[in-house]
Protein backbone atom coordinates (compact mmCIF):
# COMPACT_ATOMS: atom_id res chain seq x y z
CA MET A 1 102.03 78.41 87.80
CA THR A 2 101.28 81.99 86.83
CA LYS A 3 101.91 83.42 83.37
CA THR A 4 104.76 85.47 84.85
CA GLU A 5 106.35 82.38 86.40
CA ALA A 6 105.98 80.46 83.14
CA THR A 7 107.65 83.26 81.19
CA ALA A 8 110.47 83.40 83.74
CA ASP A 9 110.95 79.62 83.39
CA VAL A 10 111.22 79.93 79.60
CA PHE A 11 113.89 82.61 79.90
CA TRP A 12 115.73 80.70 82.63
CA THR A 13 115.74 77.51 80.56
CA ALA A 14 117.02 79.40 77.51
CA PHE A 15 119.77 81.03 79.58
CA ASN A 16 120.86 77.72 81.07
CA VAL A 17 121.36 76.05 77.69
CA LEU A 18 123.61 78.84 76.41
CA PRO A 19 127.30 78.07 76.09
CA ARG A 20 129.43 79.53 78.87
CA GLU A 21 130.73 82.40 76.72
CA GLU A 22 127.22 83.50 75.78
CA LYS A 23 126.02 83.29 79.41
CA HIS A 24 128.95 85.54 80.32
CA ALA A 25 127.93 88.06 77.63
CA VAL A 26 124.36 88.18 78.98
CA LEU A 27 125.55 88.63 82.56
CA ILE A 28 127.93 91.42 81.54
CA ARG A 29 125.02 93.30 79.97
CA ILE A 30 122.98 92.86 83.15
CA ILE A 31 125.86 94.07 85.31
CA ARG A 32 126.39 97.13 83.11
CA ASP A 33 122.74 98.17 83.47
CA GLU A 34 122.95 100.21 86.68
CA ASN A 35 119.24 100.12 87.50
CA LEU A 36 118.92 96.40 86.86
CA ARG A 37 122.09 95.73 88.86
CA ARG A 38 120.68 97.64 91.85
CA ASP A 39 117.35 95.82 91.57
CA LEU A 40 119.13 92.46 91.54
CA MET A 41 121.20 93.41 94.57
CA ASP A 42 118.04 94.46 96.42
CA MET A 43 116.29 91.23 95.47
CA ALA A 44 119.26 89.14 96.59
CA LEU A 45 119.31 90.90 99.96
CA ILE A 46 115.57 90.44 100.42
CA GLU A 47 115.84 86.73 99.58
CA GLU A 48 118.82 86.30 101.90
CA ARG A 49 116.97 87.89 104.81
CA ARG A 50 113.51 86.50 104.05
CA ASN A 51 113.35 84.27 107.15
CA GLU A 52 114.64 86.83 109.63
CA PRO A 53 112.09 87.99 112.18
CA GLY A 54 110.55 91.39 111.59
CA ARG A 55 110.88 94.33 113.95
CA PRO A 56 109.24 97.73 114.25
CA LEU A 57 110.81 100.55 112.25
CA ARG A 58 111.11 102.67 115.42
CA ASP A 59 113.30 99.99 117.05
CA TYR A 60 115.52 99.81 113.98
CA LEU A 61 115.91 103.59 113.83
CA LYS A 62 116.78 103.76 117.55
CA GLU A 63 119.43 101.08 117.09
CA LYS A 64 120.81 102.77 113.98
CA ASN A 65 121.12 106.15 115.71
CA ASN A 66 123.05 104.73 118.70
C-alpha cells in the first residue's frame, strides 16, 4: 500500500465512523465546492467506464459530428 493509499484509508475510516448527521455535513461541503464536485463527477465517470474498450479519437469525433 502506498503512502497516498494509506492516507486515503485513514480519512475513509474516519468518515465512516461519523454519525449520519456529520457525514451529511461533510458531503454538503464537498458538493458546494464546485471544483471538487466536478472532479468527483469526472472520477465517477472514469470508474464507471473503466472496462469499456478504447477507440481512436478520430473515430469518436466522426461519430460525434454525424
